[in-house]
Amino acid sequence: MNRVQKMAWWIAIWISISVVAGCTAFGVLYFTVGLPKAFAGFGFLGIAGFGGLGPSVFGKDKGKVQCDERDKAINRRAAVAGFGAAFLITGLACMAPFFLLGSKATISIVWLPNIFMAAGLTSFFVHSVAILVQYGWGDKSNE
């Protein structure tokens, strides 16, 4: 497994942990203290920030080739997939009120940072998963 695959696993795991913890905390708090205070459960999404430590955890291998044309193509395709997923999430979040509530629906300015955060997490998660899929989910022959 090369460095890029290790970092992709690292990011995908931390984002998954944070989303599961955040949604679980939201669900528990919703039934115990009600809706306004339940949104505090999404504070667990901050755990996803540990995914950014991947480059420092998996330092560069000295004396080895870091990437070739195939690796660059895989990263480019994964970045396009991540952008497409983020664009889809943003579009769905912004257009859902219109389709669900009609033409008089509005989005509060308070929701825009949340939409931006959801798009960012989606982009990083899809980018990591796309890298893993293209390399074969941990196939040892890709080094």
N, C-alpha and C. Protein backbone atom coordinates (compact mmCIF):
# COMPACT_ATOMS: atom_id res chain seq x y z
N MET A 1 0.86 -1.17 0.00
CA MET A 1 0.00 0.00 0.00
C MET A 1 0.91 1.23 0.00
N ASN A 2 0.67 2.13 -0.93
CA ASN A 2 1.51 3.32 -1.01
C ASN A 2 0.99 4.42 -0.07
N ARG A 3 1.72 5.51 -0.01
CA ARG A 3 1.43 6.61 0.91
C ARG A 3 0.07 7.23 0.63
N VAL A 4 -0.28 7.38 -0.64
CA VAL A 4 -1.56 7.99 -1.00
C VAL A 4 -2.72 7.12 -0.53
N GLN A 5 -2.60 5.82 -0.66
CA GLN A 5 -3.65 4.93 -0.18
C GLN A 5 -3.78 4.99 1.33
N LYS A 6 -2.66 5.05 2.04
CA LYS A 6 -2.72 5.14 3.50
C LYS A 6 -3.41 6.43 3.93
N MET A 7 -3.07 7.53 3.26
CA MET A 7 -3.72 8.80 3.61
C MET A 7 -5.20 8.78 3.26
N ALA A 8 -5.57 8.12 2.16
CA ALA A 8 -6.98 8.03 1.78
C ALA A 8 -7.76 7.24 2.83
N TRP A 9 -7.19 6.13 3.29
CA TRP A 9 -7.84 5.36 4.36
C TRP A 9 -7.97 6.21 5.61
N TRP A 10 -6.90 6.92 5.97
CA TRP A 10 -6.88 7.76 7.16
C TRP A 10 -8.01 8.79 7.11
N ILE A 11 -8.13 9.49 5.99
CA ILE A 11 -9.16 10.53 5.85
C ILE A 11 -10.56 9.91 5.86
N ALA A 12 -10.76 8.82 5.13
CA ALA A 12 -12.07 8.19 5.07
C ALA A 12 -12.51 7.69 6.44
N ILE A 13 -11.58 7.13 7.20
CA ILE A 13 -11.93 6.62 8.54
C ILE A 13 -12.30 7.76 9.47
N TRP A 14 -11.51 8.84 9.50
CA TRP A 14 -11.81 9.94 10.42
C TRP A 14 -13.11 10.64 10.05
N ILE A 15 -13.39 10.82 8.78
CA ILE A 15 -14.65 11.44 8.38
C ILE A 15 -15.82 10.53 8.75
N SER A 16 -15.67 9.22 8.53
CA SER A 16 -16.74 8.28 8.89
C SER A 16 -17.01 8.30 10.39
N ILE A 17 -15.95 8.29 11.19
CA ILE A 17 -16.11 8.33 12.65
C ILE A 17 -16.83 9.61 13.07
N SER A 18 -16.44 10.73 12.49
CA SER A 18 -17.05 12.00 12.90
C SER A 18 -18.52 12.09 12.49
N VAL A 19 -18.85 11.60 11.32
CA VAL A 19 -20.25 11.65 10.87
C VAL A 19 -21.12 10.72 11.72
N VAL A 20 -20.63 9.52 12.00
CA VAL A 20 -21.40 8.59 12.84
C VAL A 20 -21.57 9.16 14.25
N ALA A 21 -20.50 9.70 14.83
CA ALA A 21 -20.58 10.27 16.18
C ALA A 21 -21.52 11.48 16.20
N GLY A 22 -21.42 12.35 15.19
CA GLY A 22 -22.27 13.53 15.14
C GLY A 22 -23.74 13.18 14.99
N CYS A 23 -24.05 12.25 14.10
CA CYS A 23 -25.45 11.86 13.90
C CYS A 23 -26.00 11.12 15.11
N THR A 24 -25.19 10.30 15.75
CA THR A 24 -25.62 9.60 16.96
C THR A 24 -25.90 10.59 18.08
N ALA A 25 -24.98 11.53 18.27
CA ALA A 25 -25.18 12.54 19.32
C ALA A 25 -26.41 13.39 19.02
N PHE A 26 -26.61 13.75 17.75
CA PHE A 26 -27.81 14.52 17.39
C PHE A 26 -29.07 13.73 17.74
N GLY A 27 -29.09 12.45 17.38
CA GLY A 27 -30.27 11.63 17.68
C GLY A 27 -30.54 11.50 19.16
N VAL A 28 -29.50 11.27 19.95
CA VAL A 28 -29.67 11.14 21.39
C VAL A 28 -30.12 12.47 22.00
N LEU A 29 -29.49 13.55 21.61
CA LEU A 29 -29.86 14.85 22.16
C LEU A 29 -31.24 15.30 21.71
N TYR A 30 -31.64 14.91 20.50
CA TYR A 30 -32.97 15.29 20.02
C TYR A 30 -34.06 14.71 20.93
N PHE A 31 -33.88 13.48 21.34
CA PHE A 31 -34.90 12.85 22.18
C PHE A 31 -34.78 13.21 23.65
N THR A 32 -33.64 13.76 24.08
CA THR A 32 -33.49 14.11 25.49
C THR A 32 -33.72 15.59 25.76
N VAL A 33 -33.19 16.49 24.91
CA VAL A 33 -33.30 17.92 25.20
C VAL A 33 -34.04 18.70 24.13
N GLY A 34 -34.42 18.09 23.03
CA GLY A 34 -35.17 18.80 22.00
C GLY A 34 -34.31 19.27 20.85
N LEU A 35 -34.99 19.78 19.82
CA LEU A 35 -34.32 20.11 18.57
C LEU A 35 -33.30 21.23 18.63
N PRO A 36 -33.59 22.38 19.21
CA PRO A 36 -32.58 23.44 19.10
C PRO A 36 -31.23 23.05 19.72
N LYS A 37 -31.27 22.38 20.86
CA LYS A 37 -30.02 22.01 21.53
C LYS A 37 -29.40 20.75 20.92
N ALA A 38 -30.16 20.00 20.16
CA ALA A 38 -29.64 18.77 19.57
C ALA A 38 -28.59 19.04 18.51
N PHE A 39 -28.63 20.21 17.91
CA PHE A 39 -27.64 20.54 16.89
C PHE A 39 -26.23 20.60 17.46
N ALA A 40 -26.10 20.71 18.77
CA ALA A 40 -24.77 20.69 19.39
C ALA A 40 -24.08 19.34 19.17
N GLY A 41 -24.84 18.31 18.91
CA GLY A 41 -24.26 16.99 18.64
C GLY A 41 -23.40 16.97 17.40
N PHE A 42 -23.68 17.88 16.48
CA PHE A 42 -22.87 17.93 15.26
C PHE A 42 -21.48 18.51 15.52
N GLY A 43 -21.22 18.91 16.75
CA GLY A 43 -19.87 19.34 17.11
C GLY A 43 -18.85 18.22 16.95
N PHE A 44 -19.33 16.99 16.99
CA PHE A 44 -18.44 15.84 16.78
C PHE A 44 -17.88 15.81 15.35
N LEU A 45 -18.46 16.57 14.44
CA LEU A 45 -17.91 16.63 13.09
C LEU A 45 -16.51 17.23 13.07
N GLY A 46 -16.14 17.89 14.15
CA GLY A 46 -14.79 18.42 14.26
C GLY A 46 -13.74 17.33 14.31
N ILE A 47 -14.14 16.12 14.66
CA ILE A 47 -13.20 14.99 14.67
C ILE A 47 -12.63 14.76 13.28
N ALA A 48 -13.37 15.13 12.25
CA ALA A 48 -12.90 14.95 10.88
C ALA A 48 -11.62 15.74 10.62
N GLY A 49 -11.33 16.73 11.43
CA GLY A 49 -10.11 17.51 11.28
C GLY A 49 -8.85 16.68 11.47
N PHE A 50 -8.96 15.56 12.19
CA PHE A 50 -7.80 14.68 12.34
C PHE A 50 -7.39 14.07 11.01
N GLY A 51 -8.28 14.06 10.04
CA GLY A 51 -7.93 13.55 8.71
C GLY A 51 -6.84 14.38 8.06
N GLY A 52 -6.75 15.64 8.42
CA GLY A 52 -5.72 16.51 7.87
C GLY A 52 -4.32 16.20 8.38
N LEU A 53 -4.22 15.36 9.38
CA LEU A 53 -2.91 14.97 9.91
C LEU A 53 -2.27 13.86 9.10
N GLY A 54 -2.96 13.35 8.10
CA GLY A 54 -2.44 12.24 7.29
C GLY A 54 -1.06 12.46 6.72
N PRO A 55 -0.77 13.61 6.09
CA PRO A 55 0.57 13.81 5.53
C PRO A 55 1.68 13.79 6.58
N SER A 56 1.38 14.25 7.80
CA SER A 56 2.42 14.22 8.82
C SER A 56 2.55 12.84 9.46
N VAL A 57 1.46 12.08 9.51
CA VAL A 57 1.52 10.73 10.06
C VAL A 57 2.24 9.79 9.09
N PHE A 58 1.92 9.92 7.82
CA PHE A 58 2.54 9.07 6.80
C PHE A 58 3.58 9.90 6.05
N GLY A 59 4.71 10.12 6.66
CA GLY A 59 5.77 10.95 6.07
C GLY A 59 6.25 10.38 4.74
N LYS A 60 6.99 11.18 4.03
CA LYS A 60 7.49 10.76 2.72
C LYS A 60 8.53 9.65 2.89
N ASP A 61 8.49 8.69 1.99
CA ASP A 61 9.47 7.62 1.96
C ASP A 61 10.73 8.12 1.27
N LYS A 62 11.80 8.13 1.98
CA LYS A 62 13.05 8.63 1.41
C LYS A 62 13.62 7.62 0.42
N GLY A 63 14.04 8.12 -0.73
CA GLY A 63 14.66 7.26 -1.73
C GLY A 63 13.69 6.55 -2.65
N LYS A 64 12.38 6.71 -2.43
CA LYS A 64 11.39 6.06 -3.29
C LYS A 64 10.72 7.10 -4.18
N VAL A 65 10.28 6.67 -5.34
CA VAL A 65 9.53 7.55 -6.23
C VAL A 65 8.18 7.82 -5.57
N GLN A 66 7.81 9.09 -5.47
CA GLN A 66 6.59 9.46 -4.76
C GLN A 66 5.34 9.21 -5.60
N CYS A 67 5.38 9.54 -6.88
CA CYS A 67 4.22 9.30 -7.74
C CYS A 67 4.67 9.30 -9.20
N ASP A 68 3.88 8.61 -10.02
CA ASP A 68 4.15 8.57 -11.45
C ASP A 68 2.91 9.07 -12.18
N GLU A 69 2.87 8.87 -13.49
CA GLU A 69 1.75 9.37 -14.28
C GLU A 69 0.43 8.71 -13.88
N ARG A 70 0.49 7.42 -13.57
CA ARG A 70 -0.72 6.70 -13.17
C ARG A 70 -1.27 7.28 -11.86
N ASP A 71 -0.39 7.55 -10.91
CA ASP A 71 -0.83 8.12 -9.64
C ASP A 71 -1.44 9.50 -9.83
N LYS A 72 -0.85 10.30 -10.69
CA LYS A 72 -1.39 11.63 -10.98
C LYS A 72 -2.76 11.54 -11.65
N ALA A 73 -2.94 10.58 -12.55
CA ALA A 73 -4.24 10.40 -13.21
C ALA A 73 -5.29 9.94 -12.21
N ILE A 74 -4.91 9.03 -11.31
CA ILE A 74 -5.84 8.56 -10.28
C ILE A 74 -6.26 9.72 -9.39
N ASN A 75 -5.30 10.54 -8.97
CA ASN A 75 -5.62 11.68 -8.11
C ASN A 75 -6.50 12.69 -8.84
N ARG A 76 -6.25 12.91 -10.12
CA ARG A 76 -7.05 13.86 -10.90
C ARG A 76 -8.49 13.36 -11.01
N ARG A 77 -8.67 12.08 -11.34
CA ARG A 77 -10.03 11.54 -11.44
C ARG A 77 -10.74 11.56 -10.09
N ALA A 78 -10.01 11.28 -9.01
CA ALA A 78 -10.60 11.32 -7.68
C ALA A 78 -11.00 12.74 -7.29
N ALA A 79 -10.19 13.72 -7.68
CA ALA A 79 -10.52 15.12 -7.38
C ALA A 79 -11.77 15.55 -8.13
N VAL A 80 -11.91 15.11 -9.37
CA VAL A 80 -13.12 15.44 -10.14
C VAL A 80 -14.34 14.79 -9.51
N ALA A 81 -14.20 13.54 -9.05
CA ALA A 81 -15.32 12.87 -8.38
C ALA A 81 -15.69 13.60 -7.09
N GLY A 82 -14.69 14.03 -6.33
CA GLY A 82 -14.97 14.77 -5.10
C GLY A 82 -15.65 16.09 -5.37
N PHE A 83 -15.19 16.81 -6.40
CA PHE A 83 -15.83 18.07 -6.76
C PHE A 83 -17.27 17.84 -7.20
N GLY A 84 -17.49 16.81 -8.01
CA GLY A 84 -18.85 16.52 -8.48
C GLY A 84 -19.79 16.19 -7.33
N ALA A 85 -19.31 15.43 -6.36
CA ALA A 85 -20.14 15.09 -5.20
C ALA A 85 -20.44 16.33 -4.36
N ALA A 86 -19.43 17.19 -4.17
CA ALA A 86 -19.65 18.42 -3.40
C ALA A 86 -20.64 19.33 -4.12
N PHE A 87 -20.53 19.42 -5.44
CA PHE A 87 -21.45 20.23 -6.21
C PHE A 87 -22.87 19.67 -6.10
N LEU A 88 -23.01 18.36 -6.13
CA LEU A 88 -24.32 17.72 -5.99
C LEU A 88 -24.92 18.00 -4.62
N ILE A 89 -24.13 17.87 -3.56
CA ILE A 89 -24.63 18.13 -2.21
C ILE A 89 -25.07 19.59 -2.07
N THR A 90 -24.26 20.50 -2.58
CA THR A 90 -24.61 21.92 -2.52
C THR A 90 -25.89 22.21 -3.30
N GLY A 91 -25.99 21.65 -4.49
CA GLY A 91 -27.19 21.85 -5.29
C GLY A 91 -28.43 21.29 -4.64
N LEU A 92 -28.32 20.08 -4.09
CA LEU A 92 -29.47 19.47 -3.42
C LEU A 92 -29.87 20.27 -2.18
N ALA A 93 -28.89 20.70 -1.39
CA ALA A 93 -29.20 21.44 -0.17
C ALA A 93 -29.84 22.79 -0.48
N CYS A 94 -29.42 23.42 -1.56
CA CYS A 94 -29.97 24.73 -1.91
C CYS A 94 -31.31 24.64 -2.63
N MET A 95 -31.53 23.56 -3.36
CA MET A 95 -32.77 23.44 -4.13
C MET A 95 -33.86 22.66 -3.41
N ALA A 96 -33.51 21.91 -2.36
CA ALA A 96 -34.51 21.11 -1.65
C ALA A 96 -35.66 21.97 -1.10
N PRO A 97 -35.39 23.12 -0.48
CA PRO A 97 -36.52 23.91 0.01
C PRO A 97 -37.47 24.34 -1.12
N PHE A 98 -36.91 24.66 -2.27
CA PHE A 98 -37.75 25.06 -3.40
C PHE A 98 -38.67 23.92 -3.82
N PHE A 99 -38.10 22.71 -3.95
CA PHE A 99 -38.91 21.59 -4.41
C PHE A 99 -39.85 21.06 -3.33
N LEU A 100 -39.47 21.16 -2.07
CA LEU A 100 -40.32 20.64 -1.00
C LEU A 100 -41.37 21.64 -0.53
N LEU A 101 -41.03 22.93 -0.52
CA LEU A 101 -41.93 23.93 0.05
C LEU A 101 -42.54 24.88 -0.98
N GLY A 102 -42.06 24.83 -2.21
CA GLY A 102 -42.63 25.68 -3.25
C GLY A 102 -41.78 26.90 -3.52
N SER A 103 -42.30 27.76 -4.37
CA SER A 103 -41.54 28.92 -4.84
C SER A 103 -41.36 30.00 -3.79
N LYS A 104 -42.09 29.97 -2.71
CA LYS A 104 -41.96 30.97 -1.65
C LYS A 104 -40.93 30.58 -0.60
N ALA A 105 -40.28 29.44 -0.75
CA ALA A 105 -39.33 28.94 0.24
C ALA A 105 -38.06 29.79 0.25
N THR A 106 -37.46 29.90 1.42
CA THR A 106 -36.20 30.64 1.56
C THR A 106 -35.23 29.79 2.38
N ILE A 107 -33.94 30.14 2.26
CA ILE A 107 -32.91 29.50 3.07
C ILE A 107 -32.33 30.55 3.99
N SER A 108 -32.31 30.27 5.27
CA SER A 108 -31.73 31.20 6.23
C SER A 108 -30.22 31.25 6.04
N ILE A 109 -29.65 32.40 6.28
CA ILE A 109 -28.22 32.58 6.15
C ILE A 109 -27.45 31.70 7.13
N VAL A 110 -28.09 31.28 8.20
CA VAL A 110 -27.47 30.42 9.20
C VAL A 110 -27.09 29.06 8.59
N TRP A 111 -27.82 28.61 7.59
CA TRP A 111 -27.59 27.28 7.01
C TRP A 111 -26.42 27.26 6.02
N LEU A 112 -26.02 28.40 5.50
CA LEU A 112 -24.99 28.41 4.47
C LEU A 112 -23.64 27.85 4.94
N PRO A 113 -23.14 28.16 6.14
CA PRO A 113 -21.90 27.52 6.58
C PRO A 113 -22.04 26.00 6.73
N ASN A 114 -23.23 25.56 7.13
CA ASN A 114 -23.45 24.12 7.27
C ASN A 114 -23.44 23.44 5.90
N ILE A 115 -24.02 24.08 4.91
CA ILE A 115 -24.00 23.53 3.55
C ILE A 115 -22.56 23.48 3.04
N PHE A 116 -21.80 24.53 3.31
CA PHE A 116 -20.40 24.58 2.89
C PHE A 116 -19.60 23.47 3.57
N MET A 117 -19.82 23.25 4.87
CA MET A 117 -19.13 22.19 5.60
C MET A 117 -19.51 20.82 5.07
N ALA A 118 -20.77 20.61 4.80
CA ALA A 118 -21.21 19.32 4.26
C ALA A 118 -20.59 19.07 2.89
N ALA A 119 -20.50 20.09 2.07
CA ALA A 119 -19.88 19.95 0.76
C ALA A 119 -18.39 19.63 0.89
N GLY A 120 -17.71 20.27 1.82
CA GLY A 120 -16.29 20.00 2.03
C GLY A 120 -16.03 18.60 2.52
N LEU A 121 -16.79 18.15 3.52
CA LEU A 121 -16.63 16.79 4.02
C LEU A 121 -16.94 15.77 2.92
N THR A 122 -17.97 16.04 2.14
CA THR A 122 -18.32 15.15 1.05
C THR A 122 -17.20 15.09 0.02
N SER A 123 -16.63 16.23 -0.30
CA SER A 123 -15.55 16.27 -1.28
C SER A 123 -14.35 15.44 -0.83
N PHE A 124 -13.92 15.64 0.40
CA PHE A 124 -12.77 14.90 0.91
C PHE A 124 -13.06 13.41 1.02
N PHE A 125 -14.27 13.06 1.48
CA PHE A 125 -14.61 11.65 1.63
C PHE A 125 -14.67 10.96 0.27
N VAL A 126 -15.34 11.56 -0.69
CA VAL A 126 -15.46 10.96 -2.02
C VAL A 126 -14.10 10.90 -2.70
N HIS A 127 -13.27 11.91 -2.52
CA HIS A 127 -11.91 11.89 -3.07
C HIS A 127 -11.13 10.70 -2.52
N SER A 128 -11.20 10.48 -1.22
CA SER A 128 -10.49 9.36 -0.61
C SER A 128 -11.02 8.02 -1.09
N VAL A 129 -12.33 7.89 -1.12
CA VAL A 129 -12.92 6.62 -1.56
C VAL A 129 -12.61 6.36 -3.04
N ALA A 130 -12.63 7.41 -3.86
CA ALA A 130 -12.31 7.24 -5.28
C ALA A 130 -10.86 6.80 -5.46
N ILE A 131 -9.95 7.32 -4.65
CA ILE A 131 -8.56 6.85 -4.71
C ILE A 131 -8.48 5.39 -4.35
N LEU A 132 -9.16 4.99 -3.28
CA LEU A 132 -9.12 3.59 -2.85
C LEU A 132 -9.74 2.66 -3.88
N VAL A 133 -10.82 3.08 -4.50
CA VAL A 133 -11.46 2.26 -5.53
C VAL A 133 -10.54 2.09 -6.72
N GLN A 134 -9.90 3.16 -7.14
CA GLN A 134 -9.03 3.08 -8.32
C GLN A 134 -7.78 2.25 -8.05
N TYR A 135 -7.28 2.26 -6.82
CA TYR A 135 -6.12 1.44 -6.49
C TYR A 135 -6.52 0.01 -6.14
N GLY A 136 -7.78 -0.24 -5.88
CA GLY A 136 -8.25 -1.58 -5.57
C GLY A 136 -8.46 -1.85 -4.10
N TRP A 137 -8.81 -0.86 -3.30
CA TRP A 137 -9.17 -1.01 -1.89
C TRP A 137 -8.07 -1.66 -1.05
N GLY A 138 -6.83 -1.37 -1.34
CA GLY A 138 -5.75 -1.88 -0.48
C GLY A 138 -4.97 -3.00 -1.10
N ASP A 139 -5.06 -3.16 -2.40
CA ASP A 139 -4.29 -4.18 -3.10
C ASP A 139 -2.81 -3.90 -2.90
N LYS A 140 -2.04 -4.90 -2.47
CA LYS A 140 -0.64 -4.72 -2.12
C LYS A 140 0.26 -4.61 -3.35
N SER A 141 -0.23 -4.91 -4.54
CA SER A 141 0.61 -4.89 -5.73
C SER A 141 0.72 -3.50 -6.36
N ASN A 142 0.14 -2.48 -5.75
CA ASN A 142 0.13 -1.15 -6.36
C ASN A 142 1.30 -0.27 -5.91
N GLU A 143 2.28 -0.81 -5.26
CA GLU A 143 3.36 0.02 -4.74
C GLU A 143 4.36 0.35 -5.80
